[in-house]
Amino acid sequence: LQVEMIEMLGAERLVHGRIGALPFTVRRDSTLAAPRIGDTVPLQATAEHLHWFDAATQRRL
């Protein structure tokens, strides 16, 4: 994930970025080390932790 923006939300943070041309947002615990804008961070997730949204309607699939 190429980090573009980080939102601090108290106990967690949202890390926004891209993998290639695809936008991604990752929710992380605020106690974990924060990446910096421009960093490339590896991602690993299981299918039950992924949420997909329709690009046109923004509704969850």
PDB file of N, CA and C in Angstrom:
ATOM      1  N   LEU A   1       0.857  -1.177   0.000  1.00  0.00           N
ATOM      2  CA  LEU A   1       0.000   0.000   0.000  1.00  0.00           C
ATOM      3  C   LEU A   1       0.894   1.228   0.000  1.00  0.00           C
ATOM      4  N   GLN A   2       0.708   2.106  -0.972  1.00  0.00           N
ATOM      5  CA  GLN A   2       1.409   3.389  -1.016  1.00  0.00           C
ATOM      6  C   GLN A   2       0.571   4.387  -0.221  1.00  0.00           C
ATOM      7  N   VAL A   3       1.075   4.838   0.929  1.00  0.00           N
ATOM      8  CA  VAL A   3       0.314   5.670   1.861  1.00  0.00           C
ATOM      9  C   VAL A   3       0.154   7.089   1.312  1.00  0.00           C
ATOM     10  N   GLU A   4      -1.108   7.557   1.274  1.00  0.00           N
ATOM     11  CA  GLU A   4      -1.419   8.901   0.789  1.00  0.00           C
ATOM     12  C   GLU A   4      -1.950   9.820   1.886  1.00  0.00           C
ATOM     13  N   MET A   5      -2.623   9.246   2.894  1.00  0.00           N
ATOM     14  CA  MET A   5      -3.225  10.055   3.943  1.00  0.00           C
ATOM     15  C   MET A   5      -3.466   9.181   5.168  1.00  0.00           C
ATOM     16  N   ILE A   6      -3.385   9.792   6.355  1.00  0.00           N
ATOM     17  CA  ILE A   6      -3.644   9.076   7.604  1.00  0.00           C
ATOM     18  C   ILE A   6      -4.627   9.897   8.430  1.00  0.00           C
ATOM     19  N   GLU A   7      -5.690   9.243   8.900  1.00  0.00           N
ATOM     20  CA  GLU A   7      -6.677   9.888   9.768  1.00  0.00           C
ATOM     21  C   GLU A   7      -6.553   9.301  11.164  1.00  0.00           C
ATOM     22  N   MET A   8      -6.295  10.153  12.155  1.00  0.00           N
ATOM     23  CA  MET A   8      -6.235   9.709  13.538  1.00  0.00           C
ATOM     24  C   MET A   8      -7.641   9.768  14.123  1.00  0.00           C
ATOM     25  N   LEU A   9      -8.109   8.636  14.680  1.00  0.00           N
ATOM     26  CA  LEU A   9      -9.473   8.552  15.207  1.00  0.00           C
ATOM     27  C   LEU A   9      -9.482   8.065  16.654  1.00  0.00           C
ATOM     28  N   GLY A  10      -8.538   8.517  17.439  1.00  0.00           N
ATOM     29  CA  GLY A  10      -8.478   8.081  18.825  1.00  0.00           C
ATOM     30  C   GLY A  10      -7.805   6.739  18.951  1.00  0.00           C
ATOM     31  N   ALA A  11      -8.572   5.688  19.241  1.00  0.00           N
ATOM     32  CA  ALA A  11      -8.013   4.354  19.465  1.00  0.00           C
ATOM     33  C   ALA A  11      -7.566   3.668  18.177  1.00  0.00           C
ATOM     34  N   GLU A  12      -7.931   4.226  17.031  1.00  0.00           N
ATOM     35  CA  GLU A  12      -7.514   3.635  15.762  1.00  0.00           C
ATOM     36  C   GLU A  12      -7.183   4.729  14.764  1.00  0.00           C
ATOM     37  N   ARG A  13      -6.586   4.324  13.664  1.00  0.00           N
ATOM     38  CA  ARG A  13      -6.300   5.260  12.580  1.00  0.00           C
ATOM     39  C   ARG A  13      -6.699   4.620  11.267  1.00  0.00           C
ATOM     40  N   LEU A  14      -7.101   5.451  10.319  1.00  0.00           N
ATOM     41  CA  LEU A  14      -7.387   4.988   8.971  1.00  0.00           C
ATOM     42  C   LEU A  14      -6.219   5.397   8.092  1.00  0.00           C
ATOM     43  N   VAL A  15      -5.650   4.425   7.405  1.00  0.00           N
ATOM     44  CA  VAL A  15      -4.540   4.681   6.495  1.00  0.00           C
ATOM     45  C   VAL A  15      -5.093   4.551   5.082  1.00  0.00           C
ATOM     46  N   HIS A  16      -5.054   5.643   4.336  1.00  0.00           N
ATOM     47  CA  HIS A  16      -5.574   5.676   2.972  1.00  0.00           C
ATOM     48  C   HIS A  16      -4.401   5.620   2.004  1.00  0.00           C
ATOM     49  N   GLY A  17      -4.572   4.855   0.938  1.00  0.00           N
ATOM     50  CA  GLY A  17      -3.520   4.781  -0.062  1.00  0.00           C
ATOM     51  C   GLY A  17      -3.974   4.007  -1.274  1.00  0.00           C
ATOM     52  N   ARG A  18      -3.005   3.577  -2.066  1.00  0.00           N
ATOM     53  CA  ARG A  18      -3.296   2.856  -3.309  1.00  0.00           C
ATOM     54  C   ARG A  18      -2.378   1.655  -3.450  1.00  0.00           C
ATOM     55  N   ILE A  19      -2.944   0.647  -4.069  1.00  0.00           N
ATOM     56  CA  ILE A  19      -2.160  -0.489  -4.546  1.00  0.00           C
ATOM     57  C   ILE A  19      -2.339  -0.440  -6.056  1.00  0.00           C
ATOM     58  N   GLY A  20      -1.316   0.005  -6.748  1.00  0.00           N
ATOM     59  CA  GLY A  20      -1.463   0.292  -8.170  1.00  0.00           C
ATOM     60  C   GLY A  20      -2.433   1.448  -8.316  1.00  0.00           C
ATOM     61  N   ALA A  21      -3.466   1.273  -9.135  1.00  0.00           N
ATOM     62  CA  ALA A  21      -4.470   2.321  -9.330  1.00  0.00           C
ATOM     63  C   ALA A  21      -5.655   2.182  -8.382  1.00  0.00           C
ATOM     64  N   LEU A  22      -5.701   1.099  -7.601  1.00  0.00           N
ATOM     65  CA  LEU A  22      -6.855   0.832  -6.742  1.00  0.00           C
ATOM     66  C   LEU A  22      -6.730   1.524  -5.388  1.00  0.00           C
ATOM     67  N   PRO A  23      -7.744   2.317  -5.000  1.00  0.00           N
ATOM     68  CA  PRO A  23      -7.710   2.951  -3.683  1.00  0.00           C
ATOM     69  C   PRO A  23      -8.058   1.946  -2.586  1.00  0.00           C
ATOM     70  N   PHE A  24      -7.358   2.051  -1.469  1.00  0.00           N
ATOM     71  CA  PHE A  24      -7.609   1.199  -0.308  1.00  0.00           C
ATOM     72  C   PHE A  24      -7.604   2.054   0.944  1.00  0.00           C
ATOM     73  N   THR A  25      -8.401   1.653   1.929  1.00  0.00           N
ATOM     74  CA  THR A  25      -8.361   2.239   3.260  1.00  0.00           C
ATOM     75  C   THR A  25      -8.186   1.101   4.246  1.00  0.00           C
ATOM     76  N   VAL A  26      -7.225   1.259   5.145  1.00  0.00           N
ATOM     77  CA  VAL A  26      -6.897   0.229   6.124  1.00  0.00           C
ATOM     78  C   VAL A  26      -7.118   0.804   7.517  1.00  0.00           C
ATOM     79  N   ARG A  27      -7.828   0.074   8.366  1.00  0.00           N
ATOM     80  CA  ARG A  27      -8.034   0.479   9.755  1.00  0.00           C
ATOM     81  C   ARG A  27      -6.975  -0.197  10.606  1.00  0.00           C
ATOM     82  N   ARG A  28      -6.240   0.607  11.397  1.00  0.00           N
ATOM     83  CA  ARG A  28      -5.180   0.064  12.254  1.00  0.00           C
ATOM     84  C   ARG A  28      -5.330   0.595  13.668  1.00  0.00           C
ATOM     85  N   ASP A  29      -4.903  -0.196  14.608  1.00  0.00           N
ATOM     86  CA  ASP A  29      -4.880   0.206  16.006  1.00  0.00           C
ATOM     87  C   ASP A  29      -3.865   1.338  16.171  1.00  0.00           C
ATOM     88  N   SER A  30      -4.218   2.374  16.927  1.00  0.00           N
ATOM     89  CA  SER A  30      -3.325   3.520  17.111  1.00  0.00           C
ATOM     90  C   SER A  30      -2.076   3.189  17.910  1.00  0.00           C
ATOM     91  N   THR A  31      -2.057   2.046  18.591  1.00  0.00           N
ATOM     92  CA  THR A  31      -0.861   1.679  19.349  1.00  0.00           C
ATOM     93  C   THR A  31       0.238   1.122  18.448  1.00  0.00           C
ATOM     94  N   LEU A  32      -0.102   0.764  17.204  1.00  0.00           N
ATOM     95  CA  LEU A  32       0.903   0.272  16.260  1.00  0.00           C
ATOM     96  C   LEU A  32       1.662   1.446  15.658  1.00  0.00           C
ATOM     97  N   ALA A  33       2.878   1.202  15.237  1.00  0.00           N
ATOM     98  CA  ALA A  33       3.689   2.254  14.626  1.00  0.00           C
ATOM     99  C   ALA A  33       2.971   2.826  13.403  1.00  0.00           C
ATOM    100  N   ALA A  34       2.951   4.141  13.304  1.00  0.00           N
ATOM    101  CA  ALA A  34       2.253   4.804  12.195  1.00  0.00           C
ATOM    102  C   ALA A  34       3.171   4.921  10.986  1.00  0.00           C
ATOM    103  N   PRO A  35       2.654   4.597   9.799  1.00  0.00           N
ATOM    104  CA  PRO A  35       3.442   4.837   8.590  1.00  0.00           C
ATOM    105  C   PRO A  35       3.455   6.337   8.296  1.00  0.00           C
ATOM    106  N   ARG A  36       4.304   6.741   7.372  1.00  0.00           N
ATOM    107  CA  ARG A  36       4.359   8.141   6.950  1.00  0.00           C
ATOM    108  C   ARG A  36       3.802   8.264   5.542  1.00  0.00           C
ATOM    109  N   ILE A  37       3.338   9.448   5.205  1.00  0.00           N
ATOM    110  CA  ILE A  37       2.863   9.704   3.849  1.00  0.00           C
ATOM    111  C   ILE A  37       4.000   9.370   2.883  1.00  0.00           C
ATOM    112  N   GLY A  38       3.681   8.608   1.850  1.00  0.00           N
ATOM    113  CA  GLY A  38       4.681   8.207   0.870  1.00  0.00           C
ATOM    114  C   GLY A  38       5.302   6.851   1.141  1.00  0.00           C
ATOM    115  N   ASP A  39       5.154   6.341   2.376  1.00  0.00           N
ATOM    116  CA  ASP A  39       5.670   5.003   2.691  1.00  0.00           C
ATOM    117  C   ASP A  39       4.922   3.949   1.885  1.00  0.00           C
ATOM    118  N   THR A  40       5.599   2.858   1.611  1.00  0.00           N
ATOM    119  CA  THR A  40       4.958   1.675   1.051  1.00  0.00           C
ATOM    120  C   THR A  40       4.934   0.639   2.158  1.00  0.00           C
ATOM    121  N   VAL A  41       3.736   0.193   2.526  1.00  0.00           N
ATOM    122  CA  VAL A  41       3.601  -0.774   3.612  1.00  0.00           C
ATOM    123  C   VAL A  41       2.954  -2.053   3.089  1.00  0.00           C
ATOM    124  N   PRO A  42       3.432  -3.202   3.549  1.00  0.00           N
ATOM    125  CA  PRO A  42       2.828  -4.468   3.113  1.00  0.00           C
ATOM    126  C   PRO A  42       1.477  -4.675   3.798  1.00  0.00           C
ATOM    127  N   LEU A  43       0.582  -5.347   3.107  1.00  0.00           N
ATOM    128  CA  LEU A  43      -0.732  -5.672   3.666  1.00  0.00           C
ATOM    129  C   LEU A  43      -0.927  -7.176   3.672  1.00  0.00           C
ATOM    130  N   GLN A  44      -1.641  -7.627   4.681  1.00  0.00           N
ATOM    131  CA  GLN A  44      -2.021  -9.031   4.772  1.00  0.00           C
ATOM    132  C   GLN A  44      -3.372  -9.082   5.467  1.00  0.00           C
ATOM    133  N   ALA A  45      -4.334  -9.755   4.853  1.00  0.00           N
ATOM    134  CA  ALA A  45      -5.670  -9.848   5.447  1.00  0.00           C
ATOM    135  C   ALA A  45      -6.342 -11.127   4.987  1.00  0.00           C
ATOM    136  N   THR A  46      -7.243 -11.615   5.808  1.00  0.00           N
ATOM    137  CA  THR A  46      -8.063 -12.757   5.418  1.00  0.00           C
ATOM    138  C   THR A  46      -9.356 -12.227   4.805  1.00  0.00           C
ATOM    139  N   ALA A  47     -10.027 -13.043   4.022  1.00  0.00           N
ATOM    140  CA  ALA A  47     -11.228 -12.617   3.299  1.00  0.00           C
ATOM    141  C   ALA A  47     -12.304 -12.051   4.224  1.00  0.00           C
ATOM    142  N   GLU A  48     -12.455 -12.600   5.420  1.00  0.00           N
ATOM    143  CA  GLU A  48     -13.514 -12.111   6.311  1.00  0.00           C
ATOM    144  C   GLU A  48     -13.221 -10.716   6.867  1.00  0.00           C
ATOM    145  N   HIS A  49     -12.000 -10.226   6.690  1.00  0.00           N
ATOM    146  CA  HIS A  49     -11.658  -8.883   7.155  1.00  0.00           C
ATOM    147  C   HIS A  49     -11.693  -7.839   6.039  1.00  0.00           C
ATOM    148  N   LEU A  50     -12.055  -8.246   4.826  1.00  0.00           N
ATOM    149  CA  LEU A  50     -12.118  -7.317   3.696  1.00  0.00           C
ATOM    150  C   LEU A  50     -13.555  -6.876   3.456  1.00  0.00           C
ATOM    151  N   HIS A  51     -13.730  -5.620   3.093  1.00  0.00           N
ATOM    152  CA  HIS A  51     -15.042  -5.062   2.767  1.00  0.00           C
ATOM    153  C   HIS A  51     -14.929  -4.403   1.400  1.00  0.00           C
ATOM    154  N   TRP A  52     -15.807  -4.787   0.472  1.00  0.00           N
ATOM    155  CA  TRP A  52     -15.767  -4.275  -0.895  1.00  0.00           C
ATOM    156  C   TRP A  52     -16.955  -3.360  -1.124  1.00  0.00           C
ATOM    157  N   PHE A  53     -16.735  -2.291  -1.911  1.00  0.00           N
ATOM    158  CA  PHE A  53     -17.769  -1.303  -2.179  1.00  0.00           C
ATOM    159  C   PHE A  53     -17.907  -1.073  -3.675  1.00  0.00           C
ATOM    160  N   ASP A  54     -19.141  -0.800  -4.114  1.00  0.00           N
ATOM    161  CA  ASP A  54     -19.412  -0.467  -5.503  1.00  0.00           C
ATOM    162  C   ASP A  54     -18.860   0.930  -5.788  1.00  0.00           C
ATOM    163  N   ALA A  55     -18.075   1.076  -6.846  1.00  0.00           N
ATOM    164  CA  ALA A  55     -17.453   2.361  -7.165  1.00  0.00           C
ATOM    165  C   ALA A  55     -18.479   3.436  -7.509  1.00  0.00           C
ATOM    166  N   ALA A  56     -19.570   3.060  -8.145  1.00  0.00           N
ATOM    167  CA  ALA A  56     -20.572   4.046  -8.557  1.00  0.00           C
ATOM    168  C   ALA A  56     -21.481   4.472  -7.411  1.00  0.00           C
ATOM    169  N   THR A  57     -21.935   3.521  -6.612  1.00  0.00           N
ATOM    170  CA  THR A  57     -22.917   3.827  -5.562  1.00  0.00           C
ATOM    171  C   THR A  57     -22.293   3.996  -4.179  1.00  0.00           C
ATOM    172  N   GLN A  58     -21.056   3.530  -4.013  1.00  0.00           N
ATOM    173  CA  GLN A  58     -20.372   3.538  -2.717  1.00  0.00           C
ATOM    174  C   GLN A  58     -21.036   2.610  -1.702  1.00  0.00           C
ATOM    175  N   ARG A  59     -21.937   1.738  -2.166  1.00  0.00           N
ATOM    176  CA  ARG A  59     -22.607   0.779  -1.282  1.00  0.00           C
ATOM    177  C   ARG A  59     -21.754  -0.471  -1.146  1.00  0.00           C
ATOM    178  N   ARG A  60     -21.823  -1.074   0.029  1.00  0.00           N
ATOM    179  CA  ARG A  60     -21.062  -2.290   0.289  1.00  0.00           C
ATOM    180  C   ARG A  60     -21.606  -3.442  -0.547  1.00  0.00           C
ATOM    181  N   LEU A  61     -20.706  -4.216  -1.120  1.00  0.00           N
ATOM    182  CA  LEU A  61     -21.105  -5.366  -1.930  1.00  0.00           C
ATOM    183  C   LEU A  61     -21.298  -6.586  -1.054  1.00  0.00           C
TER     184      LEU A  61
END
